[in-house]
Each structure stands twice: as C-alpha cells, then as structure tokens.
Amino acid sequence: MVSCLLFGPQLGAISLFGSMLALWEAERPLWARVRNGLLIASTMSVAMGLGVIVAPYRWATIPAIVLLILTAAVAYHAFLLTRGPGPLLLFYGAVLGTYFGMDPHLGWKIVGITAFAALFAGCLTLLALVTDPHRPERRAIADARRAVERYRATASSASEIAPAAERSRRLLADAYAAVNRAWLTLNSAHPATAGRGHHHREGELLTVNRDLAAGVLDSSHVSGQVRTLSPDTPLLLGRPSLSFLLAHALRRDSVAWFTAWRIGLAAGVAGVASELAGIGHPYWAILTAALVLHQWTGRRATTRRAAHRAVGTIVGLFVVALVVVLDPGPWWVVAIIVVCLIGQDLLVPFNYFLALILVTPMSLLAIEATGQGGTPSGLLMDRLLGTLLGVAIAVAITWATSYRFPERLLRAQNARVGTAIAAVEGHNADGTAFTPAGRRARVELSYELTHHLSVLDRAAAEDPRPTSLKDTDDVLIVDGYTALAKAWV
C-alpha cells in the first residue's frame, strides 16, 4: 500500500515481490534481522537488475537464468542453517527482470520499487521486536528446553521394541537440532552479545545442553561424571565455517547440488520449450518449473504439489478473467491484490491448493497493472500454457531423477557422518574436546547429523525400499549424538 501511494497503483502493485522479504525473518534476533534484511534486499534487487540487463539479449536470457538459479540454490542450501522460505526468492527477481526488462525504462523503475519495498518490509519486521528485542533468543531456548524434556521423558521409559526405539532416536535428533538452533540464534544476536542478559541466556542454554548430554549418556550406558557448569564453561555448538559449508554444498553427492541442478535443468528445459512453442515470454514456464522443484520432496509429494499448482492456476485464471470483465479502477485492483495476498498467507498452512487459487490473480493482476503484460486474453493464455508446460517438465524431471540419486546421496552422507564421528571421538579420547579444534569437530558433527536426517527423510520419501541402510543409519544416529555428549564427561 505504501508503494502504491508513493509510485501510483500501477507501478506500486509490483512491490509485492519486494515485500516477500518478510518471509525470511521468522525467529531471527534483532541484529540478525538487520543484517539478513540488507543482504536479501540487495540480492533480490541485484538479481532483478541482472535480469533487466540481460532482457534485450533474448538468446542470453535462459542461460543467465539457469546460472543464477544454480548459484542461488547452492548458496541457499549451503549457508542457511535455520528455517527459510527456499531459494526461489533469490532468483525470482532475475526472471521478473527479464520480463519487465523488455522495456528498460520500466524495468529499472521496477528494480528501484522492488529495492524500496524490500527495505521497507525489512524495517517493518524490526517493529515486532521494538518492545521485546530478545524474544527470539528466549523462544529458541524455550523450544530447546521442551525438546530436551520430551526426549528425556521418552528415553527413560523407552524399550528396545523397534517403534519405541525409533521414536526415541527421532526425539533425540529433534532435541539436538533444537539446541543447535538455539545456539545459532544466540550467536547471531551479535553485537548484542556482551551484556549480562545475553550471558544469562547462554547459561540457560548450557544447562539445557548439559541435561541433554546427561540423558544421552545415561541412555547409552556411558560411565563417568557429567561436568558441572562454571563461568568458564566453553560454548559447545555454533555455526560451521563458511569454507566447510561451501565445500559441503559443492560435493557431487550433496543435497545442495542435487537440488540446484534439478531446478536449473527444469528451468532451462521449460524456457527452451516455451520459446520453441511460441508461448509468449518463457517467464511463466521457467518459474512454474522452478516453483515445483525448488525444495526437494518425495516424487509423489512433488507430483501432488504440481497437480495442485496446475489446477489452482486454472481456477485462478477464471478469477482474473472475471476481474478483467468487471474492469475495476486501479485502486480496486490493488485492493484485490491485497486481499489475495492476505488470503493465501492464511491458507498456505491449511490448504496449499486453495492458496494457489489466490496466488494466480495476485501475481497476474500485479503484472497486468504495469501495462507490460500485453492484452488480457494473451496474458491469460500465456499463463495457462506456461504453467502446464512448466508443471509437466518439473514432474518428468522429478521422476527421472528420483530412483538412483537419493540413495547415492544417503550413502555419501553416511560416510561423512562416520568421518565426523571419528574426529570427535578422537578429541574425546585425547582430552582435547574443549580446544578450538575439538569444538570445530563437534560443530561439524552436529551439522552432519542434522543434515543426515534431512537426507534420510527425503530419500525415504522418494523410495522407502532401500532398507539395507536402515541399521547403519540407526547406529550412526546413536553413535553420533553419544560422541557429542561425551564432551561433557
């Protein structure tokens, strides 16, 4: 609404993209929101600017988009260790830029509006912390405490029966993941990490961490006295180094690279097919294919999501056609876009299909308001054909790549977890667990274990049959978290 007041309802409507920066800010401390907001706003704006630059060179559009998709997807999966909306928003702007950049004057205006909207949305996310700036840190500690309590309550009564043992392992992994998220949240509060309040919160989390270790050691029948906390007890977990994360992501058998090249392949094929079929601009097909694949889920879940997108788009197009027939004024169009935006945000957690019905009029009306979309009938037909083409290509690539690759990724991750466990056990045996090298080994093992469970769940969703790795996975989970807990002995 602010952008529409400043730039007019026609151009202001496209600020919808910049406002999506708010999706990145859940659970971040104040200063982390400031840094992340500036980073994401800059990335979105630069990506859109690159799209505008490339737009006049039609032959370069698709290769440039694929390259940006590969870069954005790898960077997202490599460096984002907390919850996020997926890599889509990092390259969405580039695709939009190639669309609006067909008119460079309009394209650069929209880049500026997007940058303003993203920065303004970032400022609005800070308002939620004005009265309670440390709420994210306290919430993260509380979540960690509850997760540890659930694990300890289950571990104390767990039997060796497979379902009970499996549930205990899952709760153990959830507890360590929650503790690690809490450490990441506290560490990201820099520069507000020197005060008495922050040190008190660190002490609270150390207590939670110690309780978790005690529960693991007791469950694993490891003898030894769990160390007591003191003012000089070092922090045990944190963020792996950037070089470690990047090297991890660029491995041939990493989730980051697997996800990135699938999105890039789908987007490239969709773009070329759209051009060959003469379906307006390849924008629609590229984005649809990328949307379906931008997060790795099982092939059945991906197919179901693709079907929802196709049918939801068709129903949404009828809504757009009705709006076109009614021909409301510009401010009424803005009102409809706002209603669709709020509605889809409310519906996404409950019904993805219904939310998609609102996404189509929201995005199409925002683009049509700029006057760049051509005739309404042409815009509707391009969106329909582009969506169906993108969905078909994404589903085909999903099924073609979902048999051999997931198990290969899981085997590679098993090997990395085993190596990380050996490194931590070596430091435990040498009495160097609290040295910088020992702490680094624990941080990397914690990351590998969390990553391992993510790969395991996704691989099982693709094909639950490869049970040959099941016993190995169970042993790795127990051995890995036991090795982390031994640092407290």
Protein backbone atom coordinates (compact mmCIF):
# COMPACT_ATOMS: atom_id res chain seq x y z
CA MET A 1 0.00 0.00 0.00
CA VAL A 2 2.81 2.42 0.82
CA SER A 3 4.46 1.74 -2.55
CA CYS A 4 1.16 2.32 -4.34
CA LEU A 5 0.77 5.66 -2.58
CA LEU A 6 4.32 6.68 -3.47
CA PHE A 7 4.62 5.32 -7.01
CA GLY A 8 0.99 5.06 -8.08
CA PRO A 9 -1.28 1.99 -8.14
CA GLN A 10 0.04 0.74 -11.49
CA LEU A 11 3.74 0.56 -10.62
CA GLY A 12 3.29 0.20 -6.87
CA ALA A 13 1.48 -3.11 -7.26
CA ILE A 14 4.69 -4.83 -8.34
CA SER A 15 6.23 -4.05 -4.93
CA LEU A 16 4.52 -7.29 -3.93
CA PHE A 17 7.76 -9.12 -4.76
CA GLY A 18 9.94 -6.92 -2.55
CA SER A 19 7.55 -7.30 0.37
CA MET A 20 8.24 -11.05 0.39
CA LEU A 21 11.47 -10.31 2.26
CA ALA A 22 9.35 -10.66 5.41
CA LEU A 23 9.25 -14.43 4.79
CA TRP A 24 12.94 -14.63 5.77
CA GLU A 25 12.70 -13.04 9.19
CA ALA A 26 10.93 -15.62 11.35
CA GLU A 27 12.74 -16.34 14.63
CA ARG A 28 15.78 -14.11 13.96
CA PRO A 29 17.17 -11.78 16.66
CA LEU A 30 17.15 -8.03 16.11
CA TRP A 31 20.63 -7.52 14.65
CA ALA A 32 20.41 -10.71 12.61
CA ARG A 33 17.24 -9.31 11.04
CA VAL A 34 19.05 -6.10 10.15
CA ARG A 35 21.96 -7.94 8.51
CA ASN A 36 19.79 -10.52 6.80
CA GLY A 37 17.31 -7.91 5.60
CA LEU A 38 20.05 -5.87 3.95
CA LEU A 39 21.58 -8.99 2.38
CA ILE A 40 18.32 -10.39 0.99
CA ALA A 41 17.04 -6.99 -0.19
CA SER A 42 20.33 -6.43 -2.02
CA THR A 43 20.27 -9.92 -3.51
CA MET A 44 16.69 -9.59 -4.75
CA SER A 45 17.36 -6.17 -6.27
CA VAL A 46 20.67 -7.14 -7.90
CA ALA A 47 19.12 -10.32 -9.32
CA MET A 48 16.28 -8.30 -10.84
CA GLY A 49 18.78 -5.77 -12.19
CA LEU A 50 20.75 -8.55 -13.87
CA GLY A 51 17.52 -9.76 -15.45
CA VAL A 52 16.83 -6.28 -16.83
CA ILE A 53 20.37 -6.09 -18.26
CA VAL A 54 20.04 -9.47 -19.98
CA ALA A 55 16.47 -8.95 -21.24
CA PRO A 56 17.36 -7.23 -24.56
CA TYR A 57 19.56 -10.21 -25.49
CA ARG A 58 16.90 -12.87 -25.92
CA TRP A 59 19.44 -15.61 -26.64
CA ALA A 60 21.18 -14.99 -23.29
CA THR A 61 18.05 -14.92 -21.12
CA ILE A 62 17.68 -18.63 -20.41
CA PRO A 63 21.41 -19.39 -19.83
CA ALA A 64 21.66 -16.40 -17.48
CA ILE A 65 18.61 -17.51 -15.51
CA VAL A 66 19.90 -21.08 -15.21
CA LEU A 67 23.29 -19.82 -13.97
CA LEU A 68 21.60 -17.61 -11.37
CA ILE A 69 19.39 -20.49 -10.26
CA LEU A 70 22.40 -22.76 -9.74
CA THR A 71 24.23 -20.06 -7.78
CA ALA A 72 21.23 -19.10 -5.64
CA ALA A 73 20.18 -22.67 -4.85
CA VAL A 74 23.69 -23.77 -3.84
CA ALA A 75 24.20 -20.65 -1.71
CA TYR A 76 20.82 -21.07 -0.01
CA HIS A 77 21.31 -24.71 0.93
CA ALA A 78 24.95 -24.16 1.86
CA PHE A 79 24.72 -21.15 4.14
CA LEU A 80 21.18 -21.02 5.57
CA LEU A 81 21.25 -23.13 8.73
CA THR A 82 17.91 -22.02 10.15
CA ARG A 83 14.43 -22.09 8.66
CA GLY A 84 13.89 -20.25 5.39
CA PRO A 85 11.37 -19.96 2.53
CA GLY A 86 13.52 -21.80 -0.01
CA PRO A 87 15.88 -20.45 -2.67
CA LEU A 88 13.11 -19.30 -5.01
CA LEU A 89 13.06 -15.65 -3.95
CA LEU A 90 16.79 -15.34 -4.61
CA PHE A 91 16.34 -15.89 -8.36
CA TYR A 92 12.67 -14.95 -8.79
CA GLY A 93 13.74 -11.34 -9.28
CA ALA A 94 16.04 -12.25 -12.17
CA VAL A 95 13.19 -13.98 -14.01
CA LEU A 96 10.92 -10.99 -13.39
CA GLY A 97 13.69 -8.69 -14.59
CA THR A 98 13.94 -10.47 -17.94
CA TYR A 99 10.18 -9.94 -18.34
CA PHE A 100 9.99 -6.26 -17.43
CA GLY A 101 13.39 -5.53 -18.95
CA MET A 102 11.89 -5.73 -22.43
CA ASP A 103 11.16 -2.07 -21.69
CA PRO A 104 14.43 -0.99 -19.97
CA HIS A 105 12.93 2.28 -18.69
CA LEU A 106 10.11 0.39 -16.97
CA GLY A 107 12.47 -2.40 -15.89
CA TRP A 108 14.80 -0.11 -13.94
CA LYS A 109 11.85 1.65 -12.32
CA ILE A 110 10.62 -1.71 -11.06
CA VAL A 111 14.09 -2.60 -9.77
CA GLY A 112 14.01 0.59 -7.69
CA ILE A 113 10.49 -0.10 -6.43
CA THR A 114 11.48 -3.65 -5.51
CA ALA A 115 14.51 -2.41 -3.57
CA PHE A 116 12.37 0.13 -1.72
CA ALA A 117 9.66 -2.43 -0.91
CA ALA A 118 12.20 -4.97 0.36
CA LEU A 119 13.94 -2.44 2.60
CA PHE A 120 10.62 -1.10 3.87
CA ALA A 121 9.38 -4.63 4.62
CA GLY A 122 12.65 -5.28 6.44
CA CYS A 123 12.07 -2.22 8.61
CA LEU A 124 8.55 -3.42 9.41
CA THR A 125 9.91 -6.78 10.61
CA LEU A 126 12.01 -4.88 13.16
CA LEU A 127 8.92 -3.28 14.71
CA ALA A 128 7.88 -6.64 16.17
CA LEU A 129 10.99 -6.57 18.36
CA VAL A 130 10.88 -2.94 19.49
CA THR A 131 9.19 -3.71 22.82
CA ASP A 132 10.92 -7.07 23.34
CA PRO A 133 14.19 -7.23 21.37
CA HIS A 134 15.35 -10.55 22.87
CA ARG A 135 12.15 -12.52 22.35
CA PRO A 136 13.63 -14.73 19.56
CA GLU A 137 16.52 -15.80 21.80
CA ARG A 138 14.23 -16.66 24.72
CA ARG A 139 11.85 -18.52 22.44
CA ALA A 140 14.71 -20.56 20.95
CA ILE A 141 15.91 -21.53 24.44
CA ALA A 142 12.37 -22.46 25.49
CA ASP A 143 11.93 -24.60 22.37
CA ALA A 144 15.24 -26.35 23.10
CA ARG A 145 14.24 -26.98 26.72
CA ARG A 146 10.90 -28.52 25.68
CA ALA A 147 12.58 -30.73 23.07
CA VAL A 148 15.13 -31.99 25.61
CA GLU A 149 12.40 -32.67 28.17
CA ARG A 150 10.41 -34.67 25.61
CA TYR A 151 13.48 -36.73 24.75
CA ARG A 152 14.42 -37.43 28.37
CA ALA A 153 10.86 -38.40 29.26
CA THR A 154 10.78 -40.88 26.38
CA ALA A 155 14.35 -42.17 26.81
CA SER A 156 13.74 -43.04 30.46
CA SER A 157 10.86 -45.35 29.54
CA ALA A 158 11.87 -46.45 26.04
CA SER A 159 12.06 -50.15 25.29
CA GLU A 160 14.08 -51.98 22.68
CA ILE A 161 10.94 -52.55 20.62
CA ALA A 162 11.54 -51.05 17.17
CA PRO A 163 8.78 -48.39 17.14
CA ALA A 164 9.68 -47.12 20.63
CA ALA A 165 13.40 -47.10 19.86
CA GLU A 166 12.79 -45.29 16.58
CA ARG A 167 10.67 -42.65 18.32
CA SER A 168 13.38 -42.15 20.94
CA ARG A 169 16.00 -41.64 18.21
CA ARG A 170 13.78 -39.11 16.47
CA LEU A 171 13.20 -37.18 19.67
CA LEU A 172 16.95 -37.25 20.33
CA ALA A 173 17.63 -35.78 16.89
CA ASP A 174 14.91 -33.18 17.40
CA ALA A 175 16.38 -32.23 20.78
CA TYR A 176 19.90 -31.75 19.41
CA ALA A 177 18.53 -29.83 16.42
CA ALA A 178 16.59 -27.52 18.75
CA VAL A 179 19.64 -26.96 20.97
CA ASN A 180 21.79 -26.23 17.93
CA ARG A 181 19.19 -23.78 16.55
CA ALA A 182 19.18 -22.04 19.91
CA TRP A 183 22.98 -21.68 19.85
CA LEU A 184 22.80 -20.32 16.31
CA THR A 185 20.12 -17.85 17.39
CA LEU A 186 22.14 -16.65 20.38
CA ASN A 187 25.34 -16.31 18.37
CA SER A 188 23.56 -14.39 15.60
CA ALA A 189 22.49 -11.70 18.10
CA HIS A 190 25.91 -10.03 17.66
CA PRO A 191 26.76 -7.25 18.50
CA ALA A 192 24.24 -7.56 21.37
CA THR A 193 26.24 -10.43 22.90
CA ALA A 194 28.26 -8.67 25.58
CA GLY A 195 25.65 -7.76 28.16
CA ARG A 196 24.65 -9.52 31.36
CA GLY A 197 21.32 -10.58 29.88
CA HIS A 198 22.98 -12.38 26.98
CA HIS A 199 25.41 -14.18 29.27
CA HIS A 200 22.46 -15.28 31.42
CA ARG A 201 20.74 -16.72 28.34
CA GLU A 202 23.95 -18.54 27.40
CA GLY A 203 24.00 -20.04 30.89
CA GLU A 204 20.38 -21.18 30.49
CA LEU A 205 21.17 -22.87 27.20
CA LEU A 206 24.32 -24.50 28.61
CA THR A 207 22.14 -26.03 31.33
CA VAL A 208 19.73 -27.36 28.69
CA ASN A 209 22.69 -28.66 26.66
CA ARG A 210 24.13 -30.38 29.76
CA ASP A 211 20.76 -32.00 30.59
CA LEU A 212 20.56 -33.37 27.06
CA ALA A 213 24.09 -34.78 27.27
CA ALA A 214 23.31 -36.39 30.63
CA GLY A 215 20.23 -38.05 29.17
CA VAL A 216 22.16 -39.38 26.17
CA LEU A 217 25.00 -40.72 28.32
CA ASP A 218 22.55 -42.42 30.66
CA SER A 219 20.60 -43.95 27.77
CA SER A 220 23.84 -45.14 26.12
CA HIS A 221 25.19 -46.54 29.43
CA VAL A 222 28.35 -44.45 29.22
CA SER A 223 30.01 -44.20 32.62
CA GLY A 224 31.50 -41.02 34.01
CA GLN A 225 30.52 -37.90 35.89
CA VAL A 226 28.87 -35.18 33.83
CA ARG A 227 30.83 -31.98 34.37
CA THR A 228 29.26 -29.19 36.37
CA LEU A 229 28.76 -25.76 34.86
CA SER A 230 31.12 -22.95 35.75
CA PRO A 231 31.57 -19.39 34.49
CA ASP A 232 34.38 -20.55 32.20
CA THR A 233 32.50 -23.50 30.66
CA PRO A 234 33.01 -23.01 26.91
CA LEU A 235 30.14 -22.87 24.43
CA LEU A 236 29.90 -26.23 22.71
CA LEU A 237 27.99 -25.65 19.49
CA GLY A 238 27.71 -22.96 16.85
CA ARG A 239 28.00 -22.34 13.13
CA PRO A 240 30.42 -24.26 10.89
CA SER A 241 32.95 -22.21 8.94
CA LEU A 242 31.96 -20.75 5.58
CA SER A 243 34.65 -22.80 3.84
CA PHE A 244 33.28 -26.02 5.38
CA LEU A 245 29.70 -25.17 4.33
CA LEU A 246 30.69 -24.25 0.79
CA ALA A 247 32.84 -27.35 0.32
CA HIS A 248 29.98 -29.47 1.70
CA ALA A 249 27.47 -27.95 -0.73
CA LEU A 250 29.70 -28.30 -3.79
CA ARG A 251 30.22 -32.02 -3.36
CA ARG A 252 28.82 -34.06 -6.23
CA ASP A 253 26.59 -36.01 -3.84
CA SER A 254 25.28 -33.11 -1.75
CA VAL A 255 21.65 -32.09 -1.29
CA ALA A 256 22.54 -28.53 -2.28
CA TRP A 257 23.99 -29.54 -5.63
CA PHE A 258 21.31 -32.18 -6.32
CA THR A 259 18.54 -29.65 -5.68
CA ALA A 260 20.30 -26.88 -7.62
CA TRP A 261 20.96 -28.81 -10.81
CA ARG A 262 17.43 -30.24 -10.85
CA ILE A 263 15.93 -26.75 -10.60
CA GLY A 264 18.35 -25.41 -13.20
CA LEU A 265 17.66 -28.29 -15.58
CA ALA A 266 13.89 -27.90 -15.23
CA ALA A 267 14.06 -24.14 -15.71
CA GLY A 268 16.32 -24.43 -18.75
CA VAL A 269 14.20 -27.09 -20.45
CA ALA A 270 11.00 -25.18 -19.64
CA GLY A 271 12.43 -21.96 -21.04
CA VAL A 272 13.63 -23.55 -24.29
CA ALA A 273 10.37 -25.48 -24.74
CA SER A 274 8.37 -22.29 -24.14
CA GLU A 275 10.40 -20.43 -26.77
CA LEU A 276 10.05 -23.25 -29.29
CA ALA A 277 6.30 -23.44 -28.68
CA GLY A 278 5.93 -19.69 -29.08
CA ILE A 279 4.30 -19.24 -25.67
CA GLY A 280 4.87 -15.53 -25.18
CA HIS A 281 7.77 -14.95 -22.80
CA PRO A 282 9.42 -18.00 -21.15
CA TYR A 283 8.88 -16.33 -17.75
CA TRP A 284 5.80 -18.40 -16.79
CA ALA A 285 7.14 -21.83 -17.70
CA ILE A 286 10.53 -21.20 -16.05
CA LEU A 287 9.03 -20.01 -12.78
CA THR A 288 6.46 -22.80 -12.64
CA ALA A 289 9.11 -25.50 -13.13
CA ALA A 290 11.36 -23.85 -10.53
CA LEU A 291 8.49 -23.46 -8.05
CA VAL A 292 7.64 -27.15 -8.22
CA LEU A 293 11.26 -28.24 -7.68
CA HIS A 294 12.81 -25.51 -5.53
CA GLN A 295 12.65 -27.72 -2.44
CA TRP A 296 13.48 -31.41 -2.59
CA THR A 297 10.50 -33.51 -1.52
CA GLY A 298 9.47 -37.03 -2.47
CA ARG A 299 8.35 -37.64 -6.03
CA ARG A 300 4.77 -38.36 -5.01
CA ALA A 301 4.58 -35.19 -2.91
CA THR A 302 6.13 -33.22 -5.77
CA THR A 303 3.64 -34.66 -8.26
CA ARG A 304 0.75 -33.83 -5.95
CA ARG A 305 2.05 -30.28 -5.49
CA ALA A 306 2.47 -29.90 -9.25
CA ALA A 307 -1.13 -31.02 -9.81
CA HIS A 308 -2.31 -28.53 -7.20
CA ARG A 309 -0.39 -25.78 -8.98
CA ALA A 310 -1.86 -26.65 -12.37
CA VAL A 311 -5.46 -26.88 -11.18
CA GLY A 312 -5.10 -23.91 -8.81
CA THR A 313 -3.74 -21.80 -11.66
CA ILE A 314 -6.64 -22.75 -13.94
CA VAL A 315 -9.21 -21.80 -11.28
CA GLY A 316 -7.27 -18.62 -10.50
CA LEU A 317 -7.35 -17.65 -14.18
CA PHE A 318 -11.14 -17.67 -14.06
CA VAL A 319 -10.93 -15.21 -11.16
CA VAL A 320 -8.61 -12.98 -13.20
CA ALA A 321 -10.93 -13.20 -16.21
CA LEU A 322 -13.83 -12.10 -14.02
CA VAL A 323 -11.83 -9.11 -12.76
CA VAL A 324 -10.91 -8.18 -16.35
CA VAL A 325 -14.57 -8.30 -17.39
CA LEU A 326 -15.60 -6.11 -14.44
CA ASP A 327 -12.76 -3.69 -15.32
CA PRO A 328 -12.33 -2.13 -11.86
CA GLY A 329 -10.28 1.01 -11.28
CA PRO A 330 -6.57 0.83 -10.37
CA TRP A 331 -7.16 1.15 -6.63
CA TRP A 332 -9.76 -1.61 -6.71
CA VAL A 333 -7.17 -3.82 -8.41
CA VAL A 334 -4.72 -3.00 -5.61
CA ALA A 335 -7.39 -3.92 -3.04
CA ILE A 336 -7.99 -7.26 -4.77
CA ILE A 337 -4.23 -7.97 -4.79
CA VAL A 338 -4.00 -7.20 -1.05
CA VAL A 339 -6.98 -9.46 -0.27
CA CYS A 340 -5.41 -12.28 -2.31
CA LEU A 341 -2.07 -11.79 -0.55
CA ILE A 342 -3.59 -11.96 2.92
CA GLY A 343 -5.81 -14.87 1.93
CA GLN A 344 -3.02 -17.00 0.52
CA ASP A 345 -0.83 -16.36 3.59
CA LEU A 346 -3.68 -17.56 5.81
CA LEU A 347 -4.49 -20.59 3.65
CA VAL A 348 -0.98 -21.96 2.93
CA PRO A 349 -0.63 -23.75 6.33
CA PHE A 350 -4.05 -25.38 5.93
CA ASN A 351 -4.67 -25.98 2.23
CA TYR A 352 -1.99 -25.46 -0.41
CA PHE A 353 -4.45 -25.88 -3.29
CA LEU A 354 -6.81 -23.13 -2.10
CA ALA A 355 -3.85 -20.83 -1.50
CA LEU A 356 -2.71 -21.35 -5.10
CA ILE A 357 -6.08 -20.21 -6.39
CA LEU A 358 -5.34 -16.80 -4.86
CA VAL A 359 -1.68 -16.71 -5.98
CA THR A 360 -2.60 -16.56 -9.68
CA PRO A 361 -4.82 -13.44 -9.55
CA MET A 362 -2.41 -11.80 -7.10
CA SER A 363 0.60 -12.16 -9.41
CA LEU A 364 -1.20 -11.67 -12.73
CA LEU A 365 -3.04 -8.54 -11.63
CA ALA A 366 0.18 -7.04 -10.24
CA ILE A 367 1.91 -7.60 -13.59
CA GLU A 368 -1.09 -6.53 -15.68
CA ALA A 369 -1.32 -3.31 -13.67
CA THR A 370 2.09 -2.23 -15.02
CA GLY A 371 0.82 -2.38 -18.59
CA GLN A 372 3.66 -4.74 -19.59
CA GLY A 373 1.58 -7.88 -19.86
CA GLY A 374 0.02 -7.21 -23.27
CA THR A 375 -3.65 -7.93 -23.89
CA PRO A 376 -5.56 -9.58 -21.01
CA SER A 377 -6.52 -12.57 -23.16
CA GLY A 378 -2.92 -13.06 -24.29
CA LEU A 379 -1.69 -12.79 -20.72
CA LEU A 380 -4.19 -15.38 -19.51
CA MET A 381 -3.34 -17.80 -22.31
CA ASP A 382 0.41 -17.39 -21.79
CA ARG A 383 0.00 -18.07 -18.08
CA LEU A 384 -2.12 -21.16 -18.69
CA LEU A 385 0.16 -22.73 -21.30
CA GLY A 386 3.34 -21.74 -19.47
CA THR A 387 2.07 -23.24 -16.21
CA LEU A 388 1.03 -26.53 -17.81
CA LEU A 389 4.34 -26.79 -19.65
CA GLY A 390 6.40 -25.98 -16.54
CA VAL A 391 4.45 -28.46 -14.41
CA ALA A 392 4.85 -31.26 -16.96
CA ILE A 393 8.61 -30.71 -17.26
CA ALA A 394 9.12 -30.49 -13.49
CA VAL A 395 7.21 -33.73 -12.88
CA ALA A 396 9.11 -35.53 -15.66
CA ILE A 397 12.49 -34.46 -14.23
CA THR A 398 11.38 -35.40 -10.71
CA TRP A 399 10.51 -38.96 -11.68
CA ALA A 400 13.56 -39.33 -13.94
CA THR A 401 15.97 -38.39 -11.13
CA SER A 402 14.27 -39.87 -8.07
CA TYR A 403 15.38 -43.50 -8.27
CA ARG A 404 19.18 -43.64 -8.31
CA PHE A 405 20.29 -40.30 -6.87
CA PRO A 406 18.63 -40.25 -3.40
CA GLU A 407 20.22 -43.49 -2.21
CA ARG A 408 23.58 -42.34 -3.58
CA LEU A 409 23.23 -39.10 -1.62
CA LEU A 410 22.37 -41.06 1.52
CA ARG A 411 25.39 -43.35 1.19
CA ALA A 412 27.69 -40.36 0.72
CA GLN A 413 26.18 -38.65 3.76
CA ASN A 414 26.62 -41.80 5.84
CA ALA A 415 30.33 -41.75 5.03
CA ARG A 416 30.64 -38.08 6.03
CA VAL A 417 28.87 -38.72 9.34
CA GLY A 418 31.19 -41.63 10.08
CA THR A 419 34.25 -39.47 9.43
CA ALA A 420 32.89 -36.68 11.65
CA ILE A 421 32.15 -39.14 14.49
CA ALA A 422 35.71 -40.48 14.32
CA ALA A 423 37.10 -36.93 14.56
CA VAL A 424 35.02 -36.09 17.66
CA GLU A 425 35.80 -39.41 19.35
CA GLY A 426 39.49 -38.75 18.73
CA HIS A 427 39.26 -35.40 20.54
CA ASN A 428 37.25 -37.01 23.36
CA ALA A 429 39.92 -39.68 23.81
CA ASP A 430 42.80 -37.16 23.67
CA GLY A 431 41.19 -34.82 26.18
CA THR A 432 41.10 -32.02 23.58
CA ALA A 433 37.33 -31.73 23.32
CA PHE A 434 37.38 -28.13 24.56
CA THR A 435 40.18 -26.89 22.34
CA PRO A 436 39.25 -24.85 19.22
CA ALA A 437 39.86 -27.94 17.08
CA GLY A 438 37.64 -30.06 19.33
CA ARG A 439 34.85 -27.51 19.27
CA ARG A 440 35.11 -27.27 15.47
CA ALA A 441 34.84 -31.07 15.20
CA ARG A 442 31.69 -31.07 17.39
CA VAL A 443 30.10 -28.27 15.35
CA GLU A 444 30.77 -30.15 12.13
CA LEU A 445 29.44 -33.43 13.53
CA SER A 446 26.27 -31.72 14.74
CA TYR A 447 25.80 -30.27 11.25
CA GLU A 448 26.41 -33.64 9.58
CA LEU A 449 23.92 -35.40 11.85
CA THR A 450 21.19 -32.82 11.23
CA HIS A 451 21.93 -32.96 7.51
CA HIS A 452 21.92 -36.76 7.62
CA LEU A 453 18.39 -36.94 8.99
CA SER A 454 17.21 -34.48 6.35
CA VAL A 455 18.70 -36.63 3.58
CA LEU A 456 17.32 -39.80 5.18
CA ASP A 457 13.76 -38.44 5.33
CA ARG A 458 13.87 -37.19 1.75
CA ALA A 459 15.40 -40.39 0.41
CA ALA A 460 12.74 -42.44 2.22
CA ALA A 461 10.04 -40.23 0.71
CA GLU A 462 11.46 -40.94 -2.75
CA ASP A 463 11.70 -44.68 -2.22
CA PRO A 464 11.18 -46.41 1.17
CA ARG A 465 12.60 -49.68 -0.18
CA PRO A 466 16.37 -49.20 0.36
CA THR A 467 16.22 -50.69 3.86
CA SER A 468 19.76 -52.01 3.53
CA LEU A 469 20.98 -48.74 5.04
CA LYS A 470 18.43 -48.69 7.88
CA ASP A 471 20.58 -50.42 10.51
CA THR A 472 23.60 -48.31 9.54
CA ASP A 473 21.53 -45.14 9.85
CA ASP A 474 20.27 -46.10 13.31
CA VAL A 475 23.78 -46.85 14.57
CA LEU A 476 25.14 -43.59 13.13
CA ILE A 477 22.46 -41.52 14.85
CA VAL A 478 23.10 -43.09 18.25
CA ASP A 479 26.90 -43.10 17.92
CA GLY A 480 26.99 -39.52 16.66
CA TYR A 481 24.93 -37.99 19.43
CA THR A 482 26.71 -40.12 22.03
CA ALA A 483 30.05 -38.77 20.78
CA LEU A 484 28.73 -35.22 21.20
CA ALA A 485 27.52 -36.00 24.71
CA LYS A 486 30.88 -37.47 25.79
CA ALA A 487 32.39 -33.98 25.69
CA TRP A 488 30.55 -33.39 28.98
CA VAL A 489 32.23 -36.30 30.80
